[in-house]
């Protein structure tokens, strides 16, 4: 696969402090983008990542996990998933 448009890969590492004062890596997440280098500051990159996960955690998780929406037949045919997501959004 040729990703000729890929310009950056961001690593966002979640680290927790241990009781003895050390650090423990909890999770590594990677994000890819076509944005040119130095377009965003490090703080802006983290803000963008946080906003992405806010959308995922606020409403998408409710629909996907609690309502088991993605596994229903109505969501797997044609535009079903898009229609269902539009119907449940405020």
N, C-alpha and C. Protein backbone atom coordinates (compact mmCIF):
# COMPACT_ATOMS: atom_id res chain seq x y z
N UNK A 1 0.85 -1.17 0.00
CA UNK A 1 0.00 0.00 0.00
C UNK A 1 0.90 1.24 0.00
N UNK A 2 0.69 2.11 -0.94
CA UNK A 2 1.47 3.35 -1.04
C UNK A 2 0.68 4.50 -0.40
N UNK A 3 1.24 5.06 0.62
CA UNK A 3 0.61 6.20 1.29
C UNK A 3 1.39 7.46 0.91
N UNK A 4 1.28 7.86 -0.30
CA UNK A 4 2.07 8.99 -0.79
C UNK A 4 1.64 10.31 -0.12
N UNK A 5 0.42 10.37 0.38
CA UNK A 5 -0.07 11.60 1.03
C UNK A 5 0.34 11.69 2.51
N UNK A 6 0.85 10.60 3.09
CA UNK A 6 1.22 10.58 4.50
C UNK A 6 2.44 11.47 4.75
N UNK A 7 2.29 12.38 5.71
CA UNK A 7 3.40 13.28 6.04
C UNK A 7 3.87 13.14 7.47
N UNK A 8 2.96 12.73 8.38
CA UNK A 8 3.35 12.62 9.78
C UNK A 8 2.66 11.42 10.42
N UNK A 9 3.34 10.86 11.41
CA UNK A 9 2.74 9.86 12.29
C UNK A 9 2.97 10.36 13.70
N UNK A 10 1.88 10.48 14.45
CA UNK A 10 1.99 10.96 15.83
C UNK A 10 1.85 9.79 16.78
N UNK A 11 2.70 9.73 17.77
CA UNK A 11 2.59 8.74 18.84
C UNK A 11 2.09 9.48 20.08
N UNK A 12 0.97 9.03 20.61
CA UNK A 12 0.46 9.59 21.87
C UNK A 12 0.55 8.47 22.89
N UNK A 13 1.40 8.67 23.88
CA UNK A 13 1.66 7.65 24.89
C UNK A 13 1.02 8.07 26.21
N UNK A 14 0.22 7.18 26.77
CA UNK A 14 -0.39 7.39 28.07
C UNK A 14 0.52 6.74 29.11
N UNK A 15 0.96 7.55 30.07
CA UNK A 15 1.89 7.08 31.09
C UNK A 15 1.28 7.34 32.46
N UNK A 16 1.40 6.36 33.35
CA UNK A 16 0.92 6.51 34.72
C UNK A 16 2.11 6.46 35.67
N UNK A 17 1.98 7.19 36.75
CA UNK A 17 3.03 7.17 37.76
C UNK A 17 2.78 6.02 38.72
N UNK A 18 3.82 5.25 39.02
CA UNK A 18 3.69 4.13 39.95
C UNK A 18 3.85 4.63 41.38
N UNK A 19 3.52 3.76 42.33
CA UNK A 19 3.60 4.15 43.74
C UNK A 19 5.02 4.48 44.18
N UNK A 20 6.01 3.85 43.54
CA UNK A 20 7.40 4.10 43.92
C UNK A 20 8.01 5.29 43.18
N UNK A 21 7.18 6.06 42.44
CA UNK A 21 7.65 7.25 41.75
C UNK A 21 8.11 7.03 40.33
N UNK A 22 8.08 5.79 39.89
CA UNK A 22 8.46 5.50 38.52
C UNK A 22 7.30 5.75 37.56
N UNK A 23 7.50 5.37 36.32
CA UNK A 23 6.46 5.52 35.30
C UNK A 23 6.17 4.19 34.64
N UNK A 24 4.92 4.02 34.25
CA UNK A 24 4.49 2.80 33.57
C UNK A 24 3.69 3.21 32.33
N UNK A 25 4.08 2.68 31.18
CA UNK A 25 3.35 2.98 29.94
C UNK A 25 2.05 2.19 29.95
N UNK A 26 0.95 2.91 29.82
CA UNK A 26 -0.38 2.28 29.83
C UNK A 26 -0.81 1.93 28.42
N UNK A 27 -0.58 2.86 27.48
CA UNK A 27 -1.08 2.66 26.13
C UNK A 27 -0.31 3.54 25.14
N UNK A 28 -0.08 3.01 23.95
CA UNK A 28 0.47 3.79 22.84
C UNK A 28 -0.58 3.84 21.75
N UNK A 29 -0.86 5.04 21.25
CA UNK A 29 -1.80 5.21 20.13
C UNK A 29 -1.09 6.00 19.04
N UNK A 30 -1.34 5.59 17.81
CA UNK A 30 -0.73 6.25 16.66
C UNK A 30 -1.78 6.94 15.82
N UNK A 31 -1.45 8.11 15.33
CA UNK A 31 -2.33 8.88 14.47
C UNK A 31 -1.54 9.26 13.23
N UNK A 32 -2.16 9.18 12.07
CA UNK A 32 -1.51 9.54 10.82
C UNK A 32 -2.21 10.75 10.21
N UNK A 33 -1.44 11.56 9.52
CA UNK A 33 -2.01 12.77 8.93
C UNK A 33 -1.24 13.18 7.68
N UNK A 34 -1.89 13.96 6.87
CA UNK A 34 -1.24 14.54 5.70
C UNK A 34 -0.83 15.99 5.95
N UNK A 35 -1.01 16.49 7.17
CA UNK A 35 -0.61 17.86 7.49
C UNK A 35 0.90 18.02 7.37
N UNK A 36 1.34 19.16 6.83
CA UNK A 36 2.78 19.40 6.74
C UNK A 36 3.42 19.53 8.12
N UNK A 37 4.70 19.23 8.20
CA UNK A 37 5.43 19.37 9.47
C UNK A 37 5.33 20.82 9.96
N UNK A 38 5.29 20.96 11.27
CA UNK A 38 5.25 22.27 11.94
C UNK A 38 3.97 23.05 11.68
N UNK A 39 2.97 22.41 11.12
CA UNK A 39 1.67 23.08 10.94
C UNK A 39 0.98 23.28 12.28
N UNK A 40 1.13 22.28 13.16
CA UNK A 40 0.55 22.35 14.50
C UNK A 40 1.65 22.25 15.54
N UNK A 41 1.44 22.92 16.65
CA UNK A 41 2.36 22.77 17.78
C UNK A 41 2.03 21.46 18.49
N UNK A 42 2.89 21.02 19.38
CA UNK A 42 2.63 19.80 20.16
C UNK A 42 1.34 19.93 20.96
N UNK A 43 1.11 21.10 21.53
CA UNK A 43 -0.12 21.33 22.30
C UNK A 43 -1.35 21.22 21.40
N UNK A 44 -1.27 21.72 20.19
CA UNK A 44 -2.40 21.63 19.26
C UNK A 44 -2.65 20.19 18.82
N UNK A 45 -1.58 19.42 18.64
CA UNK A 45 -1.74 18.01 18.28
C UNK A 45 -2.49 17.28 19.39
N UNK A 46 -2.08 17.49 20.64
CA UNK A 46 -2.76 16.83 21.76
C UNK A 46 -4.21 17.28 21.88
N UNK A 47 -4.48 18.54 21.64
CA UNK A 47 -5.85 19.05 21.66
C UNK A 47 -6.70 18.37 20.59
N UNK A 48 -6.15 18.21 19.41
CA UNK A 48 -6.84 17.53 18.32
C UNK A 48 -7.15 16.09 18.68
N UNK A 49 -6.18 15.40 19.27
CA UNK A 49 -6.38 14.01 19.69
C UNK A 49 -7.45 13.93 20.77
N UNK A 50 -7.41 14.82 21.73
CA UNK A 50 -8.42 14.83 22.80
C UNK A 50 -9.83 15.07 22.24
N UNK A 51 -9.93 15.99 21.30
CA UNK A 51 -11.24 16.26 20.69
C UNK A 51 -11.75 15.05 19.90
N UNK A 52 -10.84 14.36 19.22
CA UNK A 52 -11.23 13.15 18.49
C UNK A 52 -11.82 12.13 19.46
N UNK A 53 -11.13 11.88 20.58
CA UNK A 53 -11.61 10.89 21.53
C UNK A 53 -12.84 11.38 22.28
N UNK A 54 -13.02 12.68 22.43
CA UNK A 54 -14.24 13.20 23.06
C UNK A 54 -15.46 12.82 22.23
N UNK A 55 -15.34 12.94 20.91
CA UNK A 55 -16.45 12.55 20.03
C UNK A 55 -16.70 11.06 20.17
N UNK A 56 -15.65 10.26 20.14
CA UNK A 56 -15.79 8.81 20.27
C UNK A 56 -16.45 8.44 21.59
N UNK A 57 -16.01 9.03 22.67
CA UNK A 57 -16.47 8.63 24.00
C UNK A 57 -17.82 9.23 24.36
N UNK A 58 -18.16 10.39 23.84
CA UNK A 58 -19.40 11.05 24.24
C UNK A 58 -20.64 10.42 23.61
N UNK A 59 -20.66 10.29 22.30
CA UNK A 59 -21.90 9.80 21.69
C UNK A 59 -21.73 8.51 20.91
N UNK A 60 -20.61 8.31 20.27
CA UNK A 60 -20.44 7.13 19.43
C UNK A 60 -20.44 5.86 20.27
N UNK A 61 -19.78 5.91 21.41
CA UNK A 61 -19.72 4.72 22.27
C UNK A 61 -21.11 4.31 22.73
N UNK A 62 -21.94 5.27 23.06
CA UNK A 62 -23.30 4.98 23.49
C UNK A 62 -24.04 4.21 22.41
N UNK A 63 -23.92 4.66 21.20
CA UNK A 63 -24.62 4.02 20.09
C UNK A 63 -24.02 2.65 19.79
N UNK A 64 -22.71 2.59 19.71
CA UNK A 64 -22.06 1.34 19.32
C UNK A 64 -22.14 0.26 20.38
N UNK A 65 -21.82 0.59 21.62
CA UNK A 65 -21.69 -0.41 22.66
C UNK A 65 -23.02 -0.69 23.36
N UNK A 66 -23.64 0.34 23.86
CA UNK A 66 -24.83 0.14 24.66
C UNK A 66 -26.05 -0.31 23.85
N UNK A 67 -26.17 0.22 22.65
CA UNK A 67 -27.30 -0.16 21.81
C UNK A 67 -26.97 -1.27 20.82
N UNK A 68 -25.73 -1.70 20.78
CA UNK A 68 -25.24 -2.75 19.88
C UNK A 68 -25.70 -2.44 18.45
N UNK A 69 -25.58 -1.19 18.10
CA UNK A 69 -26.13 -0.74 16.82
C UNK A 69 -25.38 -1.29 15.61
N UNK A 70 -24.06 -1.38 15.71
CA UNK A 70 -23.28 -1.79 14.54
C UNK A 70 -23.52 -3.23 14.11
N UNK A 71 -24.04 -4.05 15.00
CA UNK A 71 -24.21 -5.45 14.64
C UNK A 71 -25.60 -5.77 14.10
N UNK A 72 -26.49 -4.81 14.10
CA UNK A 72 -27.85 -5.04 13.60
C UNK A 72 -27.91 -5.10 12.09
N UNK A 73 -28.80 -5.91 11.56
CA UNK A 73 -28.95 -6.04 10.11
C UNK A 73 -29.28 -4.70 9.46
N UNK A 74 -30.04 -3.87 10.16
CA UNK A 74 -30.43 -2.56 9.62
C UNK A 74 -29.23 -1.65 9.37
N UNK A 75 -28.12 -1.93 10.01
CA UNK A 75 -26.93 -1.10 9.85
C UNK A 75 -25.95 -1.64 8.83
N UNK A 76 -26.14 -2.86 8.40
CA UNK A 76 -25.17 -3.47 7.50
C UNK A 76 -25.59 -3.45 6.05
N UNK A 77 -26.73 -2.89 5.74
CA UNK A 77 -27.20 -2.85 4.35
C UNK A 77 -27.26 -1.42 3.86
N UNK A 78 -26.73 -1.19 2.69
CA UNK A 78 -26.82 0.13 2.06
C UNK A 78 -26.31 1.25 2.96
N UNK A 79 -27.13 2.27 3.12
CA UNK A 79 -26.79 3.43 3.96
C UNK A 79 -27.34 3.30 5.37
N UNK A 80 -27.65 2.09 5.79
CA UNK A 80 -28.29 1.86 7.08
C UNK A 80 -27.55 2.46 8.26
N UNK A 81 -26.24 2.28 8.31
CA UNK A 81 -25.47 2.80 9.44
C UNK A 81 -25.55 4.31 9.51
N UNK A 82 -25.44 4.97 8.38
CA UNK A 82 -25.51 6.44 8.35
C UNK A 82 -26.91 6.91 8.76
N UNK A 83 -27.93 6.25 8.26
CA UNK A 83 -29.31 6.64 8.60
C UNK A 83 -29.56 6.45 10.09
N UNK A 84 -29.15 5.31 10.64
CA UNK A 84 -29.34 5.07 12.07
C UNK A 84 -28.60 6.09 12.92
N UNK A 85 -27.38 6.43 12.53
CA UNK A 85 -26.63 7.40 13.31
C UNK A 85 -27.27 8.78 13.26
N UNK A 86 -27.86 9.15 12.15
CA UNK A 86 -28.54 10.44 12.05
C UNK A 86 -29.82 10.46 12.89
N UNK A 87 -30.50 9.34 12.97
CA UNK A 87 -31.75 9.28 13.73
C UNK A 87 -31.55 9.39 15.24
N UNK A 88 -30.43 8.90 15.75
CA UNK A 88 -30.23 8.90 17.19
C UNK A 88 -29.48 10.12 17.70
N UNK A 89 -28.94 10.93 16.82
CA UNK A 89 -28.22 12.13 17.25
C UNK A 89 -29.20 13.25 17.58
N UNK A 90 -28.88 14.01 18.63
CA UNK A 90 -29.79 15.13 18.99
C UNK A 90 -29.74 16.24 17.96
